Amino acid sequence: MDKVIAGLKKKIVEIIKKSSNPEDPIHAKNTLEWMIKLEPQADEALKIAALGHDIERAISKRKIKRENYTNYEEFKKAHALNSAEVLSKLMETFKLKKELREKIFYLVKHHETGGNKRANLLKNADSLSFFQVNLPYYFIRNNLDETKRRCVWGYHRLPANLREIVSRFSYNNERITLLVKNLPQYLKEDT
């Protein structure tokens, strides 16, 4: 079983390396690193889900596009479900046990919304990685208002102790640094 899991992880990494977003391979590995920091006893389901949670973004013909959704929450749910479905097909080719496949599917499907302790762990690891890895890239592709909106959304879904971690991240861009520094205030204004 260890060889099967290692092979699956290797294939996930290979697929994500093909993403048109240069940060996606870094984000996948960083989310896994955060998962292990948040839950040192993380099982294989959590680790595989962390590594592959955004896999659909690397497959252009399957990728969910933001512009096709008027509601951001619906876009994120569709993205999560699509990644879960892509990963499910991949897991079938590796003949992973059904119980493990189902656990991973559930986690990836709920990585944007959480809902239980394990799904919340993945959501939190993903959110921390967004702020640590993805944010500078997101800012390059989007205007300041959109970046602020995305940051407030991501910051809002983190518990207070993890917001504190975000406040300690440093960036090579003053506008991003100021944006992150002001997130507590923006969050108050947004609610």
Protein backbone atom coordinates (compact mmCIF):
# COMPACT_ATOMS: atom_id res chain seq x y z
CA MET A 1 0.00 0.00 0.00
CA ASP A 2 2.89 2.38 0.71
CA LYS A 3 4.09 2.08 -2.91
CA VAL A 4 0.59 2.81 -4.18
CA ILE A 5 0.29 5.92 -2.00
CA ALA A 6 3.77 7.10 -2.99
CA GLY A 7 2.88 6.58 -6.66
CA LEU A 8 -0.35 8.52 -6.26
CA LYS A 9 1.39 11.43 -4.56
CA LYS A 10 4.03 11.50 -7.29
CA LYS A 11 1.32 11.58 -9.97
CA ILE A 12 -0.53 14.40 -8.19
CA VAL A 13 2.68 16.45 -8.12
CA GLU A 14 3.29 15.73 -11.84
CA ILE A 15 -0.22 16.89 -12.76
CA ILE A 16 -0.07 20.04 -10.63
CA LYS A 17 3.30 20.99 -12.16
CA LYS A 18 1.40 21.48 -15.45
CA SER A 19 -0.81 24.22 -13.99
CA SER A 20 -0.86 27.55 -15.79
CA ASN A 21 -0.56 29.21 -12.36
CA PRO A 22 3.11 29.07 -11.38
CA GLU A 23 2.30 29.05 -7.68
CA ASP A 24 0.10 25.93 -7.77
CA PRO A 25 2.91 23.36 -7.36
CA ILE A 26 4.39 25.39 -4.49
CA HIS A 27 0.94 25.86 -2.93
CA ALA A 28 0.19 22.12 -3.05
CA LYS A 29 3.38 21.22 -1.21
CA ASN A 30 3.02 24.16 1.19
CA THR A 31 -0.55 23.15 2.06
CA LEU A 32 0.77 19.68 2.88
CA GLU A 33 3.48 21.25 5.06
CA TRP A 34 0.86 23.33 6.89
CA MET A 35 -1.30 20.25 7.33
CA ILE A 36 1.56 18.47 9.07
CA LYS A 37 2.28 21.54 11.24
CA LEU A 38 -1.37 21.83 12.24
CA GLU A 39 -1.81 18.08 12.71
CA PRO A 40 1.50 16.25 13.22
CA GLN A 41 -0.42 12.94 13.34
CA ALA A 42 -2.14 13.59 10.00
CA ASP A 43 -3.09 10.35 8.27
CA GLU A 44 -2.66 9.60 4.57
CA ALA A 45 -6.15 10.83 3.72
CA LEU A 46 -5.34 14.29 5.12
CA LYS A 47 -1.92 14.35 3.45
CA ILE A 48 -3.19 13.29 0.03
CA ALA A 49 -6.11 15.71 0.27
CA ALA A 50 -3.73 18.54 1.18
CA LEU A 51 -1.46 17.79 -1.75
CA GLY A 52 -4.25 17.35 -4.31
CA HIS A 53 -6.96 19.74 -3.12
CA ASP A 54 -6.58 22.11 -6.12
CA ILE A 55 -5.73 19.51 -8.76
CA GLU A 56 -8.51 20.62 -11.11
CA ARG A 57 -6.76 23.97 -11.66
CA ALA A 58 -3.92 22.13 -13.42
CA ILE A 59 -6.21 20.55 -16.02
CA SER A 60 -7.30 23.31 -18.39
CA LYS A 61 -10.20 21.38 -19.93
CA ARG A 62 -11.59 20.64 -16.44
CA LYS A 63 -10.74 23.92 -14.70
CA ILE A 64 -13.62 25.79 -13.08
CA LYS A 65 -13.57 29.45 -14.15
CA ARG A 66 -14.50 32.26 -11.77
CA GLU A 67 -16.20 34.26 -14.53
CA ASN A 68 -18.81 31.52 -14.92
CA TYR A 69 -20.18 32.20 -11.42
CA THR A 70 -21.83 35.32 -10.04
CA ASN A 71 -21.50 34.07 -6.47
CA TYR A 72 -17.97 33.54 -5.11
CA GLU A 73 -19.10 30.87 -2.63
CA GLU A 74 -20.70 28.85 -5.44
CA PHE A 75 -17.52 29.16 -7.51
CA LYS A 76 -15.43 27.85 -4.61
CA LYS A 77 -17.83 24.95 -3.97
CA ALA A 78 -17.76 24.01 -7.68
CA HIS A 79 -13.95 24.19 -7.67
CA ALA A 80 -13.74 21.93 -4.60
CA LEU A 81 -16.18 19.38 -6.02
CA ASN A 82 -14.37 19.34 -9.35
CA SER A 83 -11.00 18.76 -7.65
CA ALA A 84 -12.56 15.95 -5.59
CA GLU A 85 -13.92 14.33 -8.76
CA VAL A 86 -10.61 14.64 -10.63
CA LEU A 87 -8.73 13.19 -7.66
CA SER A 88 -11.30 10.41 -7.31
CA LYS A 89 -10.72 9.25 -10.89
CA LEU A 90 -6.98 9.35 -10.32
CA MET A 91 -7.28 7.35 -7.09
CA GLU A 92 -9.31 4.69 -8.91
CA THR A 93 -6.45 4.18 -11.38
CA PHE A 94 -4.13 3.57 -8.43
CA LYS A 95 -6.59 1.07 -6.92
CA LEU A 96 -6.75 2.84 -3.57
CA LYS A 97 -9.09 1.20 -1.10
CA LYS A 98 -12.64 2.51 -1.31
CA GLU A 99 -12.68 3.74 2.30
CA LEU A 100 -9.54 5.82 1.78
CA ARG A 101 -10.85 7.20 -1.54
CA GLU A 102 -14.09 8.24 0.15
CA LYS A 103 -12.26 10.02 2.98
CA ILE A 104 -10.07 11.93 0.53
CA PHE A 105 -13.03 12.78 -1.71
CA TYR A 106 -14.93 14.19 1.28
CA LEU A 107 -11.97 16.26 2.46
CA VAL A 108 -11.24 17.76 -0.95
CA LYS A 109 -14.93 18.41 -1.62
CA HIS A 110 -15.09 20.40 1.64
CA HIS A 111 -11.67 22.07 1.58
CA GLU A 112 -13.20 25.48 0.93
CA THR A 113 -16.01 25.24 3.48
CA GLY A 114 -14.80 22.89 6.19
CA GLY A 115 -17.56 21.40 8.27
CA ASN A 116 -15.88 18.93 10.60
CA LYS A 117 -12.53 18.78 12.39
CA ARG A 118 -10.68 17.11 9.50
CA ALA A 119 -12.18 19.25 6.75
CA ASN A 120 -11.47 22.34 8.86
CA LEU A 121 -7.82 21.27 9.15
CA LEU A 122 -7.55 21.14 5.36
CA LYS A 123 -9.38 24.46 4.96
CA ASN A 124 -7.01 26.07 7.45
CA ALA A 125 -3.86 24.61 5.87
CA ASP A 126 -5.08 25.78 2.45
CA SER A 127 -5.88 29.27 3.77
CA LEU A 128 -2.51 29.67 5.46
CA SER A 129 -0.79 28.59 2.28
CA PHE A 130 -2.81 31.09 0.26
CA PHE A 131 -1.45 33.90 2.40
CA GLN A 132 2.07 32.53 2.47
CA VAL A 133 2.43 31.44 -1.16
CA ASN A 134 -0.44 32.48 -3.44
CA LEU A 135 -1.14 36.05 -2.37
CA PRO A 136 1.71 37.77 -4.26
CA TYR A 137 0.76 35.91 -7.45
CA TYR A 138 -2.93 36.68 -6.92
CA PHE A 139 -2.08 40.37 -6.57
CA ILE A 140 -0.15 40.35 -9.87
CA ARG A 141 -3.17 38.89 -11.72
CA ASN A 142 -5.85 41.01 -10.01
CA ASN A 143 -6.40 44.60 -8.97
CA LEU A 144 -6.07 45.80 -5.39
CA ASP A 145 -9.82 45.76 -4.71
CA GLU A 146 -10.20 42.14 -5.88
CA THR A 147 -7.11 41.12 -3.90
CA LYS A 148 -8.49 42.82 -0.80
CA ARG A 149 -11.86 41.08 -1.25
CA ARG A 150 -10.14 37.68 -1.62
CA CYS A 151 -7.93 38.31 1.41
CA VAL A 152 -10.83 39.35 3.62
CA TRP A 153 -12.73 36.23 2.51
CA GLY A 154 -9.74 33.98 3.31
CA TYR A 155 -8.89 35.72 6.56
CA HIS A 156 -12.48 35.52 7.76
CA ARG A 157 -12.50 31.74 7.51
CA LEU A 158 -9.43 31.33 9.75
CA PRO A 159 -9.67 30.96 13.53
CA ALA A 160 -8.04 33.71 15.62
CA ASN A 161 -4.86 31.75 16.41
CA LEU A 162 -4.19 31.19 12.70
CA ARG A 163 -4.97 34.81 11.84
CA GLU A 164 -2.09 35.63 14.16
CA ILE A 165 0.20 33.48 12.00
CA VAL A 166 -0.95 35.34 8.88
CA SER A 167 -0.11 38.65 10.54
CA ARG A 168 3.52 37.51 10.84
CA PHE A 169 3.99 36.69 7.15
CA SER A 170 6.25 39.09 5.28
CA TYR A 171 6.06 40.13 1.64
CA ASN A 172 8.37 41.91 -0.80
CA ASN A 173 5.54 44.23 -1.78
CA GLU A 174 4.49 47.15 0.43
CA ARG A 175 0.90 47.14 -0.84
CA ILE A 176 0.47 43.47 0.05
CA THR A 177 2.14 43.98 3.43
CA LEU A 178 -0.21 46.88 4.21
CA LEU A 179 -3.21 44.92 3.01
CA VAL A 180 -2.42 41.98 5.29
CA LYS A 181 -1.61 44.28 8.21
CA ASN A 182 -5.04 45.91 7.83
CA LEU A 183 -7.04 42.69 7.51
CA PRO A 184 -8.39 42.81 11.09
CA GLN A 185 -9.81 46.28 10.39
CA TYR A 186 -11.19 45.29 6.98
CA LEU A 187 -12.85 42.28 8.55
CA LYS A 188 -14.61 44.53 11.10
CA GLU A 189 -15.77 46.81 8.29
CA ASP A 190 -17.02 43.85 6.25
CA THR A 191 -19.21 42.44 9.02
